[in-house]
Amino acid sequence: MAGATFEITTADFSADVLESDLPVLVDFTADWCPPCKMIAPYVEQIASTYAGQLRVGKLDVDLHPQIMQQYGVMGLPTLILFQHGEPVERIIGFVPRNRIEARVLPYLAQPTT
């Protein structure tokens, strides 16, 4: 089963994140990072729960270090919420799902019916 998140690369960062009509939560992660693996299920759950209101992407910092540097990411995991091309929230380290949601909910797009 495919996850609800999508992979972000340097080549598509602008189109997928900065130009998105929906808010985008970017998970800066790495395969070697244990806290990243711990937070991953929460990130997937948030992506599934708020599909259509929020896009959630994962950016492997080992493959795309220039994006990490551009946004001043110093530790992992780091989640940055982008809205209208601008970073509006930053969550650093492993935190519970409810704390991530509390920071993201005010920015969600209204569901379409």
C-alpha atoms as a PDB file:
ATOM      1  CA  MET A   1       0.000   0.000   0.000  1.00  0.00           C
ATOM      2  CA  ALA A   2       1.382   3.374  -0.985  1.00  0.00           C
ATOM      3  CA  GLY A   3       1.732   5.967   1.720  1.00  0.00           C
ATOM      4  CA  ALA A   4      -0.175   9.221   1.838  1.00  0.00           C
ATOM      5  CA  THR A   5       3.033  11.241   1.692  1.00  0.00           C
ATOM      6  CA  PHE A   6       5.034  12.055  -1.420  1.00  0.00           C
ATOM      7  CA  GLU A   7       8.764  12.318  -2.066  1.00  0.00           C
ATOM      8  CA  ILE A   8      10.185  15.807  -2.502  1.00  0.00           C
ATOM      9  CA  THR A   9      13.326  16.414  -4.536  1.00  0.00           C
ATOM     10  CA  THR A  10      15.362  19.507  -5.260  1.00  0.00           C
ATOM     11  CA  ALA A  11      14.063  19.493  -8.840  1.00  0.00           C
ATOM     12  CA  ASP A  12      10.390  19.562  -7.844  1.00  0.00           C
ATOM     13  CA  PHE A  13      10.576  21.511  -4.566  1.00  0.00           C
ATOM     14  CA  SER A  14       9.366  24.756  -6.100  1.00  0.00           C
ATOM     15  CA  ALA A  15       6.405  23.204  -7.944  1.00  0.00           C
ATOM     16  CA  ASP A  16       5.399  20.753  -5.201  1.00  0.00           C
ATOM     17  CA  VAL A  17       5.913  22.982  -2.170  1.00  0.00           C
ATOM     18  CA  LEU A  18       6.312  26.666  -2.951  1.00  0.00           C
ATOM     19  CA  GLU A  19       3.662  26.827  -5.693  1.00  0.00           C
ATOM     20  CA  SER A  20       1.132  24.490  -4.052  1.00  0.00           C
ATOM     21  CA  ASP A  21      -2.444  25.700  -3.635  1.00  0.00           C
ATOM     22  CA  LEU A  22      -2.647  23.662  -0.423  1.00  0.00           C
ATOM     23  CA  PRO A  23      -0.437  24.037   2.642  1.00  0.00           C
ATOM     24  CA  VAL A  24       2.497  21.601   2.493  1.00  0.00           C
ATOM     25  CA  LEU A  25       4.103  19.954   5.515  1.00  0.00           C
ATOM     26  CA  VAL A  26       7.687  19.002   4.637  1.00  0.00           C
ATOM     27  CA  ASP A  27       9.309  16.270   6.710  1.00  0.00           C
ATOM     28  CA  PHE A  28      13.095  16.739   6.565  1.00  0.00           C
ATOM     29  CA  THR A  29      14.323  13.219   7.254  1.00  0.00           C
ATOM     30  CA  ALA A  30      17.150  10.707   6.784  1.00  0.00           C
ATOM     31  CA  ASP A  31      17.314   6.910   6.756  1.00  0.00           C
ATOM     32  CA  TRP A  32      19.933   6.861   9.533  1.00  0.00           C
ATOM     33  CA  CYS A  33      17.837   8.993  11.941  1.00  0.00           C
ATOM     34  CA  PRO A  34      16.005   6.977  14.672  1.00  0.00           C
ATOM     35  CA  PRO A  35      13.730   9.878  15.762  1.00  0.00           C
ATOM     36  CA  CYS A  36      12.766  10.330  12.088  1.00  0.00           C
ATOM     37  CA  LYS A  37      11.606   6.709  12.006  1.00  0.00           C
ATOM     38  CA  MET A  38       9.651   7.270  15.235  1.00  0.00           C
ATOM     39  CA  ILE A  39       7.792  10.310  13.897  1.00  0.00           C
ATOM     40  CA  ALA A  40       7.151   8.797  10.431  1.00  0.00           C
ATOM     41  CA  PRO A  41       3.882   7.019  11.383  1.00  0.00           C
ATOM     42  CA  TYR A  42       2.483  10.284  12.774  1.00  0.00           C
ATOM     43  CA  VAL A  43       3.411  12.110   9.582  1.00  0.00           C
ATOM     44  CA  GLU A  44       1.709   9.399   7.482  1.00  0.00           C
ATOM     45  CA  GLN A  45      -1.414   9.515   9.688  1.00  0.00           C
ATOM     46  CA  ILE A  46      -1.635  13.297   9.367  1.00  0.00           C
ATOM     47  CA  ALA A  47      -1.227  13.020   5.583  1.00  0.00           C
ATOM     48  CA  SER A  48      -4.084  10.490   5.421  1.00  0.00           C
ATOM     49  CA  THR A  49      -6.364  12.296   7.854  1.00  0.00           C
ATOM     50  CA  TYR A  50      -6.072  15.688   6.169  1.00  0.00           C
ATOM     51  CA  ALA A  51      -5.789  14.612   2.512  1.00  0.00           C
ATOM     52  CA  GLY A  52      -7.367  17.291   0.337  1.00  0.00           C
ATOM     53  CA  GLN A  53      -6.615  19.974   2.933  1.00  0.00           C
ATOM     54  CA  LEU A  54      -2.882  19.465   3.354  1.00  0.00           C
ATOM     55  CA  ARG A  55      -0.090  17.902   1.315  1.00  0.00           C
ATOM     56  CA  VAL A  56       2.667  16.105   3.198  1.00  0.00           C
ATOM     57  CA  GLY A  57       6.042  15.399   1.625  1.00  0.00           C
ATOM     58  CA  LYS A  58       9.269  13.804   2.767  1.00  0.00           C
ATOM     59  CA  LEU A  59      12.628  15.276   1.842  1.00  0.00           C
ATOM     60  CA  ASP A  60      15.713  13.077   2.316  1.00  0.00           C
ATOM     61  CA  VAL A  61      18.377  15.512   3.496  1.00  0.00           C
ATOM     62  CA  ASP A  62      21.203  13.218   2.399  1.00  0.00           C
ATOM     63  CA  LEU A  63      19.937  13.327  -1.190  1.00  0.00           C
ATOM     64  CA  HIS A  64      18.899  17.002  -1.160  1.00  0.00           C
ATOM     65  CA  PRO A  65      21.167  18.892   1.282  1.00  0.00           C
ATOM     66  CA  GLN A  66      20.776  22.229  -0.496  1.00  0.00           C
ATOM     67  CA  ILE A  67      17.100  22.495   0.524  1.00  0.00           C
ATOM     68  CA  MET A  68      18.046  21.614   4.103  1.00  0.00           C
ATOM     69  CA  GLN A  69      20.655  24.377   4.089  1.00  0.00           C
ATOM     70  CA  GLN A  70      18.358  26.882   2.390  1.00  0.00           C
ATOM     71  CA  TYR A  71      15.820  26.575   5.218  1.00  0.00           C
ATOM     72  CA  GLY A  72      18.353  26.383   8.048  1.00  0.00           C
ATOM     73  CA  VAL A  73      17.503  22.856   9.123  1.00  0.00           C
ATOM     74  CA  MET A  74      20.091  21.933  11.755  1.00  0.00           C
ATOM     75  CA  GLY A  75      18.558  18.854  13.391  1.00  0.00           C
ATOM     76  CA  LEU A  76      16.341  15.950  12.443  1.00  0.00           C
ATOM     77  CA  PRO A  77      13.538  15.383  12.250  1.00  0.00           C
ATOM     78  CA  THR A  78      12.364  18.858  11.324  1.00  0.00           C
ATOM     79  CA  LEU A  79       8.894  19.542   9.980  1.00  0.00           C
ATOM     80  CA  ILE A  80       8.290  22.830   8.177  1.00  0.00           C
ATOM     81  CA  LEU A  81       4.803  23.890   7.148  1.00  0.00           C
ATOM     82  CA  PHE A  82       4.679  26.013   4.003  1.00  0.00           C
ATOM     83  CA  GLN A  83       1.691  28.128   3.027  1.00  0.00           C
ATOM     84  CA  HIS A  84       1.643  30.289  -0.111  1.00  0.00           C
ATOM     85  CA  GLY A  85       5.328  29.497  -0.622  1.00  0.00           C
ATOM     86  CA  GLU A  86       6.431  30.681   2.810  1.00  0.00           C
ATOM     87  CA  PRO A  87       7.460  28.692   5.895  1.00  0.00           C
ATOM     88  CA  VAL A  88       4.863  29.422   8.587  1.00  0.00           C
ATOM     89  CA  GLU A  89       5.571  26.754  11.235  1.00  0.00           C
ATOM     90  CA  ARG A  90       8.653  24.768  12.240  1.00  0.00           C
ATOM     91  CA  ILE A  91       8.638  21.702  14.489  1.00  0.00           C
ATOM     92  CA  ILE A  92      12.026  20.346  15.538  1.00  0.00           C
ATOM     93  CA  GLY A  93      12.623  16.896  16.988  1.00  0.00           C
ATOM     94  CA  PHE A  94      10.303  14.056  17.855  1.00  0.00           C
ATOM     95  CA  VAL A  95       6.940  15.297  19.117  1.00  0.00           C
ATOM     96  CA  PRO A  96       3.575  13.551  19.582  1.00  0.00           C
ATOM     97  CA  ARG A  97       1.021  13.622  16.778  1.00  0.00           C
ATOM     98  CA  ASN A  98      -1.343  15.927  18.697  1.00  0.00           C
ATOM     99  CA  ARG A  99       1.378  18.588  18.973  1.00  0.00           C
ATOM    100  CA  ILE A 100       2.030  18.419  15.234  1.00  0.00           C
ATOM    101  CA  GLU A 101      -1.695  18.677  14.517  1.00  0.00           C
ATOM    102  CA  ALA A 102      -2.101  21.638  16.868  1.00  0.00           C
ATOM    103  CA  ARG A 103       0.499  23.570  14.858  1.00  0.00           C
ATOM    104  CA  VAL A 104      -0.885  22.514  11.446  1.00  0.00           C
ATOM    105  CA  LEU A 105      -4.667  22.746  11.935  1.00  0.00           C
ATOM    106  CA  PRO A 106      -4.949  26.559  11.751  1.00  0.00           C
ATOM    107  CA  TYR A 107      -3.486  26.489   8.231  1.00  0.00           C
ATOM    108  CA  LEU A 108      -5.560  23.691   6.702  1.00  0.00           C
ATOM    109  CA  ALA A 109      -7.516  24.363   3.549  1.00  0.00           C
ATOM    110  CA  GLN A 110     -11.269  24.075   4.008  1.00  0.00           C
ATOM    111  CA  PRO A 111     -12.584  20.736   2.718  1.00  0.00           C
ATOM    112  CA  THR A 112     -14.517  20.832  -0.527  1.00  0.00           C
ATOM    113  CA  THR A 113     -17.894  19.133  -0.634  1.00  0.00           C
END
